[in-house]
């Protein structure tokens, strides 16, 4: 059976944090600045009509998966890769 005093003391340590919009923006900018490998994203100049899967802001946040193919010559490995990725491997 759980000790009620330890449960109540754990609950009293929890504090509500009230952040302003500026605090949230500042924390997001700090998080972005600490991740140099990601392209910077801001809502200041965001235009949804210009967003494509090839934008650096999108590409830098996409998971990367490497897929290898093994097989005999002329059994369709390049054709399969081209069909899946859209990239010509020749």
PDB file of N, CA and C in Angstrom:
ATOM      1  N   UNK A   1       0.842  -1.176   0.000  1.00  0.00           N
ATOM      2  CA  UNK A   1       0.000   0.000   0.000  1.00  0.00           C
ATOM      3  C   UNK A   1       0.887   1.239   0.000  1.00  0.00           C
ATOM      4  N   UNK A   2       0.531   2.244  -0.794  1.00  0.00           N
ATOM      5  CA  UNK A   2       1.337   3.461  -0.938  1.00  0.00           C
ATOM      6  C   UNK A   2       1.197   4.335   0.290  1.00  0.00           C
ATOM      7  N   UNK A   3       2.271   4.978   0.631  1.00  0.00           N
ATOM      8  CA  UNK A   3       2.284   5.893   1.769  1.00  0.00           C
ATOM      9  C   UNK A   3       1.642   7.207   1.348  1.00  0.00           C
ATOM     10  N   UNK A   4       0.586   7.629   2.019  1.00  0.00           N
ATOM     11  CA  UNK A   4      -0.142   8.844   1.633  1.00  0.00           C
ATOM     12  C   UNK A   4       0.680  10.104   1.873  1.00  0.00           C
ATOM     13  N   UNK A   5       1.605  10.068   2.823  1.00  0.00           N
ATOM     14  CA  UNK A   5       2.408  11.272   3.073  1.00  0.00           C
ATOM     15  C   UNK A   5       3.395  11.507   1.936  1.00  0.00           C
ATOM     16  N   UNK A   6       3.967  10.430   1.380  1.00  0.00           N
ATOM     17  CA  UNK A   6       4.915  10.621   0.273  1.00  0.00           C
ATOM     18  C   UNK A   6       4.174  11.083  -0.979  1.00  0.00           C
ATOM     19  N   UNK A   7       2.949  10.613  -1.180  1.00  0.00           N
ATOM     20  CA  UNK A   7       2.163  11.038  -2.329  1.00  0.00           C
ATOM     21  C   UNK A   7       1.803  12.509  -2.216  1.00  0.00           C
ATOM     22  N   UNK A   8       1.370  12.937  -1.050  1.00  0.00           N
ATOM     23  CA  UNK A   8       0.980  14.334  -0.887  1.00  0.00           C
ATOM     24  C   UNK A   8       2.179  15.262  -0.968  1.00  0.00           C
ATOM     25  N   UNK A   9       3.355  14.821  -0.469  1.00  0.00           N
ATOM     26  CA  UNK A   9       4.537  15.677  -0.569  1.00  0.00           C
ATOM     27  C   UNK A   9       4.993  15.802  -2.018  1.00  0.00           C
ATOM     28  N   UNK A  10       4.835  14.734  -2.795  1.00  0.00           N
ATOM     29  CA  UNK A  10       5.204  14.797  -4.212  1.00  0.00           C
ATOM     30  C   UNK A  10       4.286  15.757  -4.949  1.00  0.00           C
ATOM     31  N   UNK A  11       3.024  15.786  -4.593  1.00  0.00           N
ATOM     32  CA  UNK A  11       2.090  16.690  -5.255  1.00  0.00           C
ATOM     33  C   UNK A  11       2.345  18.145  -4.888  1.00  0.00           C
ATOM     34  N   UNK A  12       2.786  18.398  -3.676  1.00  0.00           N
ATOM     35  CA  UNK A  12       3.029  19.786  -3.279  1.00  0.00           C
ATOM     36  C   UNK A  12       4.274  20.353  -3.950  1.00  0.00           C
ATOM     37  N   UNK A  13       5.188  19.487  -4.434  1.00  0.00           N
ATOM     38  CA  UNK A  13       6.385  19.965  -5.122  1.00  0.00           C
ATOM     39  C   UNK A  13       6.080  20.407  -6.544  1.00  0.00           C
ATOM     40  N   UNK A  14       4.967  19.988  -7.090  1.00  0.00           N
ATOM     41  CA  UNK A  14       4.579  20.360  -8.445  1.00  0.00           C
ATOM     42  C   UNK A  14       4.136  21.819  -8.460  1.00  0.00           C
ATOM     43  N   UNK A  15       4.682  22.594  -9.380  1.00  0.00           N
ATOM     44  CA  UNK A  15       4.342  24.013  -9.459  1.00  0.00           C
ATOM     45  C   UNK A  15       3.826  24.334 -10.849  1.00  0.00           C
ATOM     46  N   UNK A  16       2.805  25.123 -10.920  1.00  0.00           N
ATOM     47  CA  UNK A  16       2.305  25.605 -12.197  1.00  0.00           C
ATOM     48  C   UNK A  16       3.224  26.724 -12.678  1.00  0.00           C
ATOM     49  N   UNK A  17       3.584  26.686 -13.915  1.00  0.00           N
ATOM     50  CA  UNK A  17       4.452  27.706 -14.483  1.00  0.00           C
ATOM     51  C   UNK A  17       3.632  28.514 -15.478  1.00  0.00           C
ATOM     52  N   UNK A  18       3.613  29.796 -15.282  1.00  0.00           N
ATOM     53  CA  UNK A  18       2.884  30.672 -16.178  1.00  0.00           C
ATOM     54  C   UNK A  18       3.882  31.391 -17.074  1.00  0.00           C
ATOM     55  N   UNK A  19       3.832  31.084 -18.364  1.00  0.00           N
ATOM     56  CA  UNK A  19       4.757  31.685 -19.318  1.00  0.00           C
ATOM     57  C   UNK A  19       4.009  32.654 -20.221  1.00  0.00           C
ATOM     58  N   UNK A  20       4.652  33.746 -20.536  1.00  0.00           N
ATOM     59  CA  UNK A  20       4.075  34.692 -21.481  1.00  0.00           C
ATOM     60  C   UNK A  20       4.416  34.234 -22.901  1.00  0.00           C
ATOM     61  N   UNK A  21       3.781  34.840 -23.869  1.00  0.00           N
ATOM     62  CA  UNK A  21       4.056  34.519 -25.275  1.00  0.00           C
ATOM     63  C   UNK A  21       5.527  34.768 -25.598  1.00  0.00           C
ATOM     64  N   UNK A  22       6.057  35.853 -25.072  1.00  0.00           N
ATOM     65  CA  UNK A  22       7.462  36.199 -25.313  1.00  0.00           C
ATOM     66  C   UNK A  22       8.394  35.154 -24.701  1.00  0.00           C
ATOM     67  N   UNK A  23       8.047  34.634 -23.498  1.00  0.00           N
ATOM     68  CA  UNK A  23       8.860  33.593 -22.868  1.00  0.00           C
ATOM     69  C   UNK A  23       8.878  32.331 -23.724  1.00  0.00           C
ATOM     70  N   UNK A  24       7.717  31.962 -24.246  1.00  0.00           N
ATOM     71  CA  UNK A  24       7.619  30.767 -25.072  1.00  0.00           C
ATOM     72  C   UNK A  24       8.446  30.934 -26.343  1.00  0.00           C
ATOM     73  N   UNK A  25       8.338  32.081 -27.002  1.00  0.00           N
ATOM     74  CA  UNK A  25       9.098  32.348 -28.220  1.00  0.00           C
ATOM     75  C   UNK A  25      10.594  32.321 -27.928  1.00  0.00           C
ATOM     76  N   UNK A  26      10.998  32.935 -26.805  1.00  0.00           N
ATOM     77  CA  UNK A  26      12.413  32.962 -26.428  1.00  0.00           C
ATOM     78  C   UNK A  26      12.933  31.544 -26.180  1.00  0.00           C
ATOM     79  N   UNK A  27      12.154  30.711 -25.494  1.00  0.00           N
ATOM     80  CA  UNK A  27      12.571  29.331 -25.229  1.00  0.00           C
ATOM     81  C   UNK A  27      12.662  28.521 -26.521  1.00  0.00           C
ATOM     82  N   UNK A  28      11.736  28.754 -27.438  1.00  0.00           N
ATOM     83  CA  UNK A  28      11.795  28.063 -28.725  1.00  0.00           C
ATOM     84  C   UNK A  28      13.027  28.487 -29.510  1.00  0.00           C
ATOM     85  N   UNK A  29      13.346  29.773 -29.499  1.00  0.00           N
ATOM     86  CA  UNK A  29      14.533  30.255 -30.198  1.00  0.00           C
ATOM     87  C   UNK A  29      15.806  29.672 -29.587  1.00  0.00           C
ATOM     88  N   UNK A  30      15.856  29.580 -28.257  1.00  0.00           N
ATOM     89  CA  UNK A  30      17.012  28.983 -27.588  1.00  0.00           C
ATOM     90  C   UNK A  30      17.163  27.519 -27.981  1.00  0.00           C
ATOM     91  N   UNK A  31      16.040  26.809 -28.064  1.00  0.00           N
ATOM     92  CA  UNK A  31      16.082  25.400 -28.472  1.00  0.00           C
ATOM     93  C   UNK A  31      16.580  25.274 -29.912  1.00  0.00           C
ATOM     94  N   UNK A  32      16.110  26.147 -30.796  1.00  0.00           N
ATOM     95  CA  UNK A  32      16.557  26.128 -32.196  1.00  0.00           C
ATOM     96  C   UNK A  32      18.037  26.471 -32.299  1.00  0.00           C
ATOM     97  N   UNK A  33      18.473  27.451 -31.531  1.00  0.00           N
ATOM     98  CA  UNK A  33      19.877  27.866 -31.582  1.00  0.00           C
ATOM     99  C   UNK A  33      20.811  26.764 -31.100  1.00  0.00           C
ATOM    100  N   UNK A  34      20.337  25.895 -30.214  1.00  0.00           N
ATOM    101  CA  UNK A  34      21.182  24.815 -29.700  1.00  0.00           C
ATOM    102  C   UNK A  34      21.251  23.640 -30.666  1.00  0.00           C
ATOM    103  N   UNK A  35      20.429  23.632 -31.708  1.00  0.00           N
ATOM    104  CA  UNK A  35      20.408  22.536 -32.684  1.00  0.00           C
ATOM    105  C   UNK A  35      20.834  23.080 -34.045  1.00  0.00           C
ATOM    106  N   UNK A  36      22.122  23.259 -34.205  1.00  0.00           N
ATOM    107  CA  UNK A  36      22.676  23.900 -35.401  1.00  0.00           C
ATOM    108  C   UNK A  36      22.439  23.099 -36.679  1.00  0.00           C
ATOM    109  N   UNK A  37      22.187  21.802 -36.569  1.00  0.00           N
ATOM    110  CA  UNK A  37      21.985  20.975 -37.757  1.00  0.00           C
ATOM    111  C   UNK A  37      20.600  21.165 -38.376  1.00  0.00           C
ATOM    112  N   UNK A  38      19.696  21.864 -37.681  1.00  0.00           N
ATOM    113  CA  UNK A  38      18.355  22.100 -38.201  1.00  0.00           C
ATOM    114  C   UNK A  38      18.256  23.472 -38.841  1.00  0.00           C
ATOM    115  N   UNK A  39      17.538  23.557 -39.942  1.00  0.00           N
ATOM    116  CA  UNK A  39      17.295  24.851 -40.580  1.00  0.00           C
ATOM    117  C   UNK A  39      16.355  25.663 -39.693  1.00  0.00           C
ATOM    118  N   UNK A  40      16.574  26.945 -39.640  1.00  0.00           N
ATOM    119  CA  UNK A  40      15.780  27.823 -38.774  1.00  0.00           C
ATOM    120  C   UNK A  40      14.362  27.977 -39.339  1.00  0.00           C
ATOM    121  N   UNK A  41      13.364  27.854 -38.466  1.00  0.00           N
ATOM    122  CA  UNK A  41      11.968  28.030 -38.840  1.00  0.00           C
ATOM    123  C   UNK A  41      11.382  29.158 -38.004  1.00  0.00           C
ATOM    124  N   UNK A  42      10.784  30.119 -38.668  1.00  0.00           N
ATOM    125  CA  UNK A  42      10.095  31.191 -37.951  1.00  0.00           C
ATOM    126  C   UNK A  42       8.748  31.426 -38.615  1.00  0.00           C
ATOM    127  N   UNK A  43       7.849  31.981 -37.869  1.00  0.00           N
ATOM    128  CA  UNK A  43       6.542  32.309 -38.417  1.00  0.00           C
ATOM    129  C   UNK A  43       6.503  33.731 -38.969  1.00  0.00           C
ATOM    130  N   UNK A  44       7.588  34.466 -38.809  1.00  0.00           N
ATOM    131  CA  UNK A  44       7.627  35.849 -39.275  1.00  0.00           C
ATOM    132  C   UNK A  44       7.440  35.957 -40.787  1.00  0.00           C
ATOM    133  N   UNK A  45       8.105  35.081 -41.527  1.00  0.00           N
ATOM    134  CA  UNK A  45       8.022  35.140 -42.992  1.00  0.00           C
ATOM    135  C   UNK A  45       7.477  33.835 -43.571  1.00  0.00           C
ATOM    136  N   UNK A  46       6.662  33.120 -42.817  1.00  0.00           N
ATOM    137  CA  UNK A  46       6.122  31.833 -43.241  1.00  0.00           C
ATOM    138  C   UNK A  46       5.037  32.033 -44.291  1.00  0.00           C
ATOM    139  N   UNK A  47       5.185  31.354 -45.430  1.00  0.00           N
ATOM    140  CA  UNK A  47       4.185  31.392 -46.496  1.00  0.00           C
ATOM    141  C   UNK A  47       3.823  29.954 -46.845  1.00  0.00           C
ATOM    142  N   UNK A  48       2.654  29.467 -46.400  1.00  0.00           N
ATOM    143  CA  UNK A  48       2.282  28.070 -46.631  1.00  0.00           C
ATOM    144  C   UNK A  48       2.243  27.680 -48.104  1.00  0.00           C
ATOM    145  N   UNK A  49       2.002  28.634 -48.982  1.00  0.00           N
ATOM    146  CA  UNK A  49       1.932  28.308 -50.409  1.00  0.00           C
ATOM    147  C   UNK A  49       3.305  27.957 -50.991  1.00  0.00           C
ATOM    148  N   UNK A  50       4.382  28.321 -50.285  1.00  0.00           N
ATOM    149  CA  UNK A  50       5.737  28.041 -50.767  1.00  0.00           C
ATOM    150  C   UNK A  50       6.374  26.823 -50.114  1.00  0.00           C
ATOM    151  N   UNK A  51       5.651  26.151 -49.227  1.00  0.00           N
ATOM    152  CA  UNK A  51       6.208  24.987 -48.540  1.00  0.00           C
ATOM    153  C   UNK A  51       6.124  23.761 -49.442  1.00  0.00           C
ATOM    154  N   UNK A  52       7.266  23.124 -49.634  1.00  0.00           N
ATOM    155  CA  UNK A  52       7.338  21.877 -50.394  1.00  0.00           C
ATOM    156  C   UNK A  52       8.167  20.879 -49.585  1.00  0.00           C
ATOM    157  N   UNK A  53       8.083  19.609 -49.915  1.00  0.00           N
ATOM    158  CA  UNK A  53       8.910  18.624 -49.198  1.00  0.00           C
ATOM    159  C   UNK A  53      10.403  18.843 -49.360  1.00  0.00           C
ATOM    160  N   UNK A  54      10.802  19.671 -50.327  1.00  0.00           N
ATOM    161  CA  UNK A  54      12.227  19.901 -50.569  1.00  0.00           C
ATOM    162  C   UNK A  54      12.763  21.164 -49.908  1.00  0.00           C
ATOM    163  N   UNK A  55      11.930  21.896 -49.162  1.00  0.00           N
ATOM    164  CA  UNK A  55      12.419  23.065 -48.438  1.00  0.00           C
ATOM    165  C   UNK A  55      13.445  22.633 -47.390  1.00  0.00           C
ATOM    166  N   UNK A  56      14.524  23.391 -47.202  1.00  0.00           N
ATOM    167  CA  UNK A  56      15.526  23.033 -46.194  1.00  0.00           C
ATOM    168  C   UNK A  56      14.926  22.889 -44.791  1.00  0.00           C
ATOM    169  N   UNK A  57      13.914  23.704 -44.484  1.00  0.00           N
ATOM    170  CA  UNK A  57      13.289  23.629 -43.167  1.00  0.00           C
ATOM    171  C   UNK A  57      12.602  22.279 -42.959  1.00  0.00           C
ATOM    172  N   UNK A  58      12.074  21.714 -44.020  1.00  0.00           N
ATOM    173  CA  UNK A  58      11.405  20.419 -43.949  1.00  0.00           C
ATOM    174  C   UNK A  58      12.431  19.292 -44.007  1.00  0.00           C
ATOM    175  N   UNK A  59      13.344  19.377 -44.959  1.00  0.00           N
ATOM    176  CA  UNK A  59      14.347  18.327 -45.155  1.00  0.00           C
ATOM    177  C   UNK A  59      15.189  18.117 -43.898  1.00  0.00           C
ATOM    178  N   UNK A  60      15.576  19.192 -43.218  1.00  0.00           N
ATOM    179  CA  UNK A  60      16.459  19.046 -42.055  1.00  0.00           C
ATOM    180  C   UNK A  60      15.777  18.326 -40.902  1.00  0.00           C
ATOM    181  N   UNK A  61      14.459  18.208 -40.929  1.00  0.00           N
ATOM    182  CA  UNK A  61      13.737  17.539 -39.854  1.00  0.00           C
ATOM    183  C   UNK A  61      13.183  16.175 -40.249  1.00  0.00           C
ATOM    184  N   UNK A  62      13.531  15.709 -41.434  1.00  0.00           N
ATOM    185  CA  UNK A  62      13.044  14.415 -41.895  1.00  0.00           C
ATOM    186  C   UNK A  62      13.972  13.295 -41.441  1.00  0.00           C
ATOM    187  N   UNK A  63      13.376  12.186 -41.133  1.00  0.00           N
ATOM    188  CA  UNK A  63      14.167  11.009 -40.774  1.00  0.00           C
ATOM    189  C   UNK A  63      14.896  10.505 -42.021  1.00  0.00           C
ATOM    190  N   UNK A  64      16.064   9.940 -41.819  1.00  0.00           N
ATOM    191  CA  UNK A  64      16.846   9.404 -42.921  1.00  0.00           C
ATOM    192  C   UNK A  64      16.873   7.894 -42.809  1.00  0.00           C
ATOM    193  N   UNK A  65      16.629   7.252 -43.928  1.00  0.00           N
ATOM    194  CA  UNK A  65      16.662   5.797 -43.952  1.00  0.00           C
ATOM    195  C   UNK A  65      17.473   5.363 -45.163  1.00  0.00           C
ATOM    196  N   UNK A  66      18.439   4.515 -44.930  1.00  0.00           N
ATOM    197  CA  UNK A  66      19.233   3.957 -46.019  1.00  0.00           C
ATOM    198  C   UNK A  66      18.736   2.555 -46.311  1.00  0.00           C
ATOM    199  N   UNK A  67      18.474   2.282 -47.582  1.00  0.00           N
ATOM    200  CA  UNK A  67      18.003   0.972 -47.994  1.00  0.00           C
ATOM    201  C   UNK A  67      18.986   0.423 -49.014  1.00  0.00           C
ATOM    202  N   UNK A  68      19.514  -0.748 -48.738  1.00  0.00           N
ATOM    203  CA  UNK A  68      20.440  -1.386 -49.662  1.00  0.00           C
ATOM    204  C   UNK A  68      19.716  -2.416 -50.500  1.00  0.00           C
ATOM    205  N   UNK A  69      20.184  -2.607 -51.710  1.00  0.00           N
ATOM    206  CA  UNK A  69      19.617  -3.634 -52.584  1.00  0.00           C
ATOM    207  C   UNK A  69      20.721  -4.581 -53.020  1.00  0.00           C
ATOM    208  N   UNK A  70      20.373  -5.840 -53.064  1.00  0.00           N
ATOM    209  CA  UNK A  70      21.306  -6.876 -53.506  1.00  0.00           C
ATOM    210  C   UNK A  70      20.594  -7.676 -54.588  1.00  0.00           C
ATOM    211  N   UNK A  71      21.310  -8.041 -55.596  1.00  0.00           N
ATOM    212  CA  UNK A  71      20.689  -8.888 -56.608  1.00  0.00           C
ATOM    213  C   UNK A  71      21.556  -9.007 -57.836  1.00  0.00           C
ATOM    214  N   UNK A  72      21.142  -9.885 -58.686  1.00  0.00           N
ATOM    215  CA  UNK A  72      21.856 -10.141 -59.929  1.00  0.00           C
ATOM    216  C   UNK A  72      21.670  -8.958 -60.882  1.00  0.00           C
ATOM    217  N   UNK A  73      22.581  -8.828 -61.817  1.00  0.00           N
ATOM    218  CA  UNK A  73      22.509  -7.784 -62.832  1.00  0.00           C
ATOM    219  C   UNK A  73      21.192  -7.925 -63.602  1.00  0.00           C
ATOM    220  N   UNK A  74      20.573  -6.829 -63.921  1.00  0.00           N
ATOM    221  CA  UNK A  74      19.371  -6.767 -64.748  1.00  0.00           C
ATOM    222  C   UNK A  74      18.157  -7.443 -64.109  1.00  0.00           C
ATOM    223  N   UNK A  75      18.065  -7.360 -62.775  1.00  0.00           N
ATOM    224  CA  UNK A  75      16.880  -7.881 -62.100  1.00  0.00           C
ATOM    225  C   UNK A  75      16.022  -6.765 -61.504  1.00  0.00           C
ATOM    226  N   UNK A  76      16.281  -5.524 -61.884  1.00  0.00           N
ATOM    227  CA  UNK A  76      15.392  -4.427 -61.533  1.00  0.00           C
ATOM    228  C   UNK A  76      15.723  -3.637 -60.288  1.00  0.00           C
ATOM    229  N   UNK A  77      16.949  -3.725 -59.774  1.00  0.00           N
ATOM    230  CA  UNK A  77      17.310  -2.978 -58.566  1.00  0.00           C
ATOM    231  C   UNK A  77      17.223  -1.470 -58.806  1.00  0.00           C
ATOM    232  N   UNK A  78      17.818  -1.001 -59.871  1.00  0.00           N
ATOM    233  CA  UNK A  78      17.793   0.437 -60.173  1.00  0.00           C
ATOM    234  C   UNK A  78      16.382   0.914 -60.462  1.00  0.00           C
ATOM    235  N   UNK A  79      15.612   0.111 -61.139  1.00  0.00           N
ATOM    236  CA  UNK A  79      14.229   0.466 -61.444  1.00  0.00           C
ATOM    237  C   UNK A  79      13.414   0.587 -60.165  1.00  0.00           C
ATOM    238  N   UNK A  80      13.634  -0.322 -59.218  1.00  0.00           N
ATOM    239  CA  UNK A  80      12.934  -0.285 -57.940  1.00  0.00           C
ATOM    240  C   UNK A  80      13.305   0.975 -57.154  1.00  0.00           C
ATOM    241  N   UNK A  81      14.589   1.285 -57.075  1.00  0.00           N
ATOM    242  CA  UNK A  81      15.029   2.480 -56.344  1.00  0.00           C
ATOM    243  C   UNK A  81      14.466   3.732 -56.989  1.00  0.00           C
ATOM    244  N   UNK A  82      14.495   3.795 -58.309  1.00  0.00           N
ATOM    245  CA  UNK A  82      13.956   4.967 -59.007  1.00  0.00           C
ATOM    246  C   UNK A  82      12.458   5.108 -58.758  1.00  0.00           C
ATOM    247  N   UNK A  83      11.725   4.005 -58.747  1.00  0.00           N
ATOM    248  CA  UNK A  83      10.271   4.047 -58.519  1.00  0.00           C
ATOM    249  C   UNK A  83       9.940   4.477 -57.104  1.00  0.00           C
ATOM    250  N   UNK A  84      10.730   4.038 -56.126  1.00  0.00           N
ATOM    251  CA  UNK A  84      10.445   4.359 -54.726  1.00  0.00           C
ATOM    252  C   UNK A  84      10.889   5.778 -54.370  1.00  0.00           C
ATOM    253  N   UNK A  85      12.085   6.166 -54.823  1.00  0.00           N
ATOM    254  CA  UNK A  85      12.666   7.438 -54.372  1.00  0.00           C
ATOM    255  C   UNK A  85      12.550   8.565 -55.388  1.00  0.00           C
ATOM    256  N   UNK A  86      12.341   8.236 -56.648  1.00  0.00           N
ATOM    257  CA  UNK A  86      12.336   9.263 -57.676  1.00  0.00           C
ATOM    258  C   UNK A  86      13.723   9.694 -58.083  1.00  0.00           C
ATOM    259  N   UNK A  87      14.750   9.001 -57.582  1.00  0.00           N
ATOM    260  CA  UNK A  87      16.123   9.346 -57.879  1.00  0.00           C
ATOM    261  C   UNK A  87      16.712   8.342 -58.847  1.00  0.00           C
ATOM    262  N   UNK A  88      17.317   8.845 -59.924  1.00  0.00           N
ATOM    263  CA  UNK A  88      17.955   7.973 -60.891  1.00  0.00           C
ATOM    264  C   UNK A  88      19.317   7.563 -60.342  1.00  0.00           C
ATOM    265  N   UNK A  89      19.559   6.281 -60.207  1.00  0.00           N
ATOM    266  CA  UNK A  89      20.804   5.793 -59.594  1.00  0.00           C
ATOM    267  C   UNK A  89      21.872   5.442 -60.607  1.00  0.00           C
ATOM    268  N   UNK A  90      21.587   5.582 -61.867  1.00  0.00           N
ATOM    269  CA  UNK A  90      22.570   5.229 -62.899  1.00  0.00           C
ATOM    270  C   UNK A  90      23.654   6.260 -63.005  1.00  0.00           C
TER     271      UNK A  90
END
